[in-house]
Amino acid sequence: MSNSKKPVRRGAPKDGGRKIKKKGNVLAAEKIEYIDYKDVNLLQRFMSDRSKIRGQKINGHTVQQQRELVTAIKNAREMALLPYTKRVASVGRGPRRGPAVEETVDQVAEVEIEDQVTENLVEETEEGEG
């Protein structure tokens, strides 16, 4: 007699209890039989805004369709038709406002004021000569 017990699972489920909204099969609905790596518009529909490949459950594809799609996207990336990643601007806090930043802003403002003064002087001397 062995004293082995099954491990007891504890804690929250792995998916956090979220329901994934599954889309219909777009490839079957549009009767697309072959996924071409050159069809960038089709491939971008199955990628996120950061150029990540969406999962099979989200896209609603069969296993074979998802495998063909991933291969086509990877080929298109290799041929530089699709980006590997896209940079998305973060919507976090603004730029750090330390003393060094304030000094450079003040220096830029001083240079701009000096440029305006020299432009005005040049314009005034041109008007006086003419």
C-alpha atoms as a PDB file:
ATOM      1  CA  MET A   1       0.000   0.000   0.000  1.00  0.00           C
ATOM      2  CA  SER A   2       1.387   3.299  -1.011  1.00  0.00           C
ATOM      3  CA  ASN A   3       0.689   6.468   0.888  1.00  0.00           C
ATOM      4  CA  SER A   4       0.620   8.779  -2.138  1.00  0.00           C
ATOM      5  CA  LYS A   5      -1.985  11.477  -2.176  1.00  0.00           C
ATOM      6  CA  LYS A   6      -2.954  13.768  -4.990  1.00  0.00           C
ATOM      7  CA  PRO A   7      -1.668  17.318  -4.560  1.00  0.00           C
ATOM      8  CA  VAL A   8      -4.394  19.696  -3.545  1.00  0.00           C
ATOM      9  CA  ARG A   9      -4.723  22.807  -5.695  1.00  0.00           C
ATOM     10  CA  ARG A  10      -5.142  25.974  -3.742  1.00  0.00           C
ATOM     11  CA  GLY A  11      -5.494  29.581  -4.712  1.00  0.00           C
ATOM     12  CA  ALA A  12      -7.184  31.427  -7.497  1.00  0.00           C
ATOM     13  CA  PRO A  13      -7.582  29.942 -10.949  1.00  0.00           C
ATOM     14  CA  LYS A  14      -4.762  30.633 -13.379  1.00  0.00           C
ATOM     15  CA  ASP A  15      -6.794  32.904 -15.656  1.00  0.00           C
ATOM     16  CA  GLY A  16      -8.018  35.040 -12.766  1.00  0.00           C
ATOM     17  CA  GLY A  17     -11.646  34.179 -13.522  1.00  0.00           C
ATOM     18  CA  ARG A  18     -11.687  36.283 -16.694  1.00  0.00           C
ATOM     19  CA  LYS A  19     -13.906  35.278 -19.566  1.00  0.00           C
ATOM     20  CA  ILE A  20     -12.195  35.445 -22.938  1.00  0.00           C
ATOM     21  CA  LYS A  21     -14.440  36.756 -25.655  1.00  0.00           C
ATOM     22  CA  LYS A  22     -14.013  34.394 -28.569  1.00  0.00           C
ATOM     23  CA  LYS A  23     -14.484  35.820 -32.024  1.00  0.00           C
ATOM     24  CA  GLY A  24     -15.946  33.992 -34.949  1.00  0.00           C
ATOM     25  CA  ASN A  25     -13.617  32.399 -37.464  1.00  0.00           C
ATOM     26  CA  VAL A  26     -12.849  35.295 -39.836  1.00  0.00           C
ATOM     27  CA  LEU A  27     -10.911  33.124 -42.275  1.00  0.00           C
ATOM     28  CA  ALA A  28     -13.813  30.726 -42.693  1.00  0.00           C
ATOM     29  CA  ALA A  29     -16.359  33.553 -42.952  1.00  0.00           C
ATOM     30  CA  GLU A  30     -14.388  35.269 -45.729  1.00  0.00           C
ATOM     31  CA  LYS A  31     -13.571  31.898 -47.369  1.00  0.00           C
ATOM     32  CA  ILE A  32      -9.808  32.437 -47.220  1.00  0.00           C
ATOM     33  CA  GLU A  33      -8.074  29.139 -47.928  1.00  0.00           C
ATOM     34  CA  TYR A  34      -4.441  30.300 -48.149  1.00  0.00           C
ATOM     35  CA  ILE A  35      -2.821  32.820 -45.808  1.00  0.00           C
ATOM     36  CA  ASP A  36      -0.242  34.751 -47.814  1.00  0.00           C
ATOM     37  CA  TYR A  37       2.593  36.511 -45.990  1.00  0.00           C
ATOM     38  CA  LYS A  38       2.355  39.395 -48.499  1.00  0.00           C
ATOM     39  CA  ASP A  39      -1.250  40.194 -47.498  1.00  0.00           C
ATOM     40  CA  VAL A  40      -0.261  42.653 -44.773  1.00  0.00           C
ATOM     41  CA  ASN A  41      -3.784  44.007 -44.198  1.00  0.00           C
ATOM     42  CA  LEU A  42      -5.106  40.533 -43.407  1.00  0.00           C
ATOM     43  CA  LEU A  43      -2.200  39.702 -41.096  1.00  0.00           C
ATOM     44  CA  GLN A  44      -2.493  42.972 -39.150  1.00  0.00           C
ATOM     45  CA  ARG A  45      -6.077  42.093 -38.227  1.00  0.00           C
ATOM     46  CA  PHE A  46      -4.749  39.241 -36.092  1.00  0.00           C
ATOM     47  CA  MET A  47      -2.109  41.312 -34.285  1.00  0.00           C
ATOM     48  CA  SER A  48      -2.399  43.631 -31.293  1.00  0.00           C
ATOM     49  CA  ASP A  49      -1.600  47.359 -31.335  1.00  0.00           C
ATOM     50  CA  ARG A  50       1.925  46.484 -30.151  1.00  0.00           C
ATOM     51  CA  SER A  51       2.357  43.989 -33.007  1.00  0.00           C
ATOM     52  CA  LYS A  52       1.954  40.911 -30.846  1.00  0.00           C
ATOM     53  CA  ILE A  53       0.261  37.892 -32.415  1.00  0.00           C
ATOM     54  CA  ARG A  54      -3.143  37.316 -30.860  1.00  0.00           C
ATOM     55  CA  GLY A  55      -3.941  33.881 -29.519  1.00  0.00           C
ATOM     56  CA  GLN A  56      -5.990  31.181 -31.171  1.00  0.00           C
ATOM     57  CA  LYS A  57      -8.901  31.502 -28.761  1.00  0.00           C
ATOM     58  CA  ILE A  58      -9.146  35.247 -29.307  1.00  0.00           C
ATOM     59  CA  ASN A  59      -8.885  34.983 -33.094  1.00  0.00           C
ATOM     60  CA  GLY A  60     -11.275  32.041 -33.267  1.00  0.00           C
ATOM     61  CA  HIS A  61      -9.073  29.975 -35.594  1.00  0.00           C
ATOM     62  CA  THR A  62      -8.503  26.280 -35.752  1.00  0.00           C
ATOM     63  CA  VAL A  63      -5.101  24.933 -34.739  1.00  0.00           C
ATOM     64  CA  GLN A  64      -4.005  24.573 -38.359  1.00  0.00           C
ATOM     65  CA  GLN A  65      -5.159  28.087 -39.292  1.00  0.00           C
ATOM     66  CA  GLN A  66      -3.357  29.605 -36.304  1.00  0.00           C
ATOM     67  CA  ARG A  67      -0.162  27.753 -37.202  1.00  0.00           C
ATOM     68  CA  GLU A  68      -0.342  29.005 -40.821  1.00  0.00           C
ATOM     69  CA  LEU A  69      -1.108  32.525 -39.606  1.00  0.00           C
ATOM     70  CA  VAL A  70       1.869  32.592 -37.230  1.00  0.00           C
ATOM     71  CA  THR A  71       4.182  31.302 -39.971  1.00  0.00           C
ATOM     72  CA  ALA A  72       2.899  33.959 -42.396  1.00  0.00           C
ATOM     73  CA  ILE A  73       3.344  36.755 -39.826  1.00  0.00           C
ATOM     74  CA  LYS A  74       6.876  35.611 -39.025  1.00  0.00           C
ATOM     75  CA  ASN A  75       7.748  35.484 -42.737  1.00  0.00           C
ATOM     76  CA  ALA A  76       6.292  38.961 -43.255  1.00  0.00           C
ATOM     77  CA  ARG A  77       8.355  40.273 -40.340  1.00  0.00           C
ATOM     78  CA  GLU A  78      11.477  38.692 -41.800  1.00  0.00           C
ATOM     79  CA  MET A  79      10.758  40.374 -45.145  1.00  0.00           C
ATOM     80  CA  ALA A  80      10.233  43.710 -43.311  1.00  0.00           C
ATOM     81  CA  LEU A  81       6.568  43.928 -44.327  1.00  0.00           C
ATOM     82  CA  LEU A  82       5.447  43.916 -40.688  1.00  0.00           C
ATOM     83  CA  PRO A  83       7.201  45.333 -37.622  1.00  0.00           C
ATOM     84  CA  TYR A  84       8.409  43.111 -34.820  1.00  0.00           C
ATOM     85  CA  THR A  85       7.230  45.657 -32.249  1.00  0.00           C
ATOM     86  CA  LYS A  86       5.713  49.105 -32.128  1.00  0.00           C
ATOM     87  CA  ARG A  87       6.592  51.650 -29.503  1.00  0.00           C
ATOM     88  CA  VAL A  88       3.579  52.968 -27.678  1.00  0.00           C
ATOM     89  CA  ALA A  89       3.858  56.204 -25.746  1.00  0.00           C
ATOM     90  CA  SER A  90       3.285  55.618 -22.071  1.00  0.00           C
ATOM     91  CA  VAL A  91       0.522  57.593 -20.437  1.00  0.00           C
ATOM     92  CA  GLY A  92       2.244  57.722 -17.101  1.00  0.00           C
ATOM     93  CA  ARG A  93       3.554  60.686 -15.229  1.00  0.00           C
ATOM     94  CA  GLY A  94       4.995  63.635 -17.068  1.00  0.00           C
ATOM     95  CA  PRO A  95       8.695  64.330 -17.408  1.00  0.00           C
ATOM     96  CA  ARG A  96      10.712  64.707 -14.234  1.00  0.00           C
ATOM     97  CA  ARG A  97      11.006  68.318 -13.179  1.00  0.00           C
ATOM     98  CA  GLY A  98      14.286  68.502 -11.344  1.00  0.00           C
ATOM     99  CA  PRO A  99      16.643  71.469 -11.053  1.00  0.00           C
ATOM    100  CA  ALA A 100      18.689  70.328 -14.075  1.00  0.00           C
ATOM    101  CA  VAL A 101      15.613  70.284 -16.305  1.00  0.00           C
ATOM    102  CA  GLU A 102      14.482  73.705 -15.124  1.00  0.00           C
ATOM    103  CA  GLU A 103      17.943  75.166 -15.779  1.00  0.00           C
ATOM    104  CA  THR A 104      17.985  73.897 -19.357  1.00  0.00           C
ATOM    105  CA  VAL A 105      14.484  75.280 -19.965  1.00  0.00           C
ATOM    106  CA  ASP A 106      15.626  78.667 -18.655  1.00  0.00           C
ATOM    107  CA  GLN A 107      18.735  78.562 -20.844  1.00  0.00           C
ATOM    108  CA  VAL A 108      16.670  77.769 -23.953  1.00  0.00           C
ATOM    109  CA  ALA A 109      14.285  80.623 -23.136  1.00  0.00           C
ATOM    110  CA  GLU A 110      17.222  83.043 -22.757  1.00  0.00           C
ATOM    111  CA  VAL A 111      18.677  82.013 -26.121  1.00  0.00           C
ATOM    112  CA  GLU A 112      15.273  82.461 -27.812  1.00  0.00           C
ATOM    113  CA  ILE A 113      14.915  85.949 -26.309  1.00  0.00           C
ATOM    114  CA  GLU A 114      18.417  86.892 -27.481  1.00  0.00           C
ATOM    115  CA  ASP A 115      17.585  85.671 -31.004  1.00  0.00           C
ATOM    116  CA  GLN A 116      14.420  87.777 -31.082  1.00  0.00           C
ATOM    117  CA  VAL A 117      16.317  90.867 -29.905  1.00  0.00           C
ATOM    118  CA  THR A 118      18.994  90.439 -32.592  1.00  0.00           C
ATOM    119  CA  GLU A 119      16.314  89.942 -35.264  1.00  0.00           C
ATOM    120  CA  ASN A 120      14.572  93.158 -34.178  1.00  0.00           C
ATOM    121  CA  LEU A 121      17.865  95.072 -34.253  1.00  0.00           C
ATOM    122  CA  VAL A 122      18.643  93.798 -37.747  1.00  0.00           C
ATOM    123  CA  GLU A 123      15.167  94.774 -38.981  1.00  0.00           C
ATOM    124  CA  GLU A 124      15.486  98.267 -37.456  1.00  0.00           C
ATOM    125  CA  THR A 125      18.910  98.871 -39.046  1.00  0.00           C
ATOM    126  CA  GLU A 126      17.633  97.697 -42.451  1.00  0.00           C
ATOM    127  CA  GLU A 127      14.646 100.080 -42.233  1.00  0.00           C
ATOM    128  CA  GLY A 128      16.947 102.992 -41.267  1.00  0.00           C
ATOM    129  CA  GLU A 129      19.237 102.339 -44.251  1.00  0.00           C
ATOM    130  CA  GLY A 130      16.458 102.000 -46.805  1.00  0.00           C
END
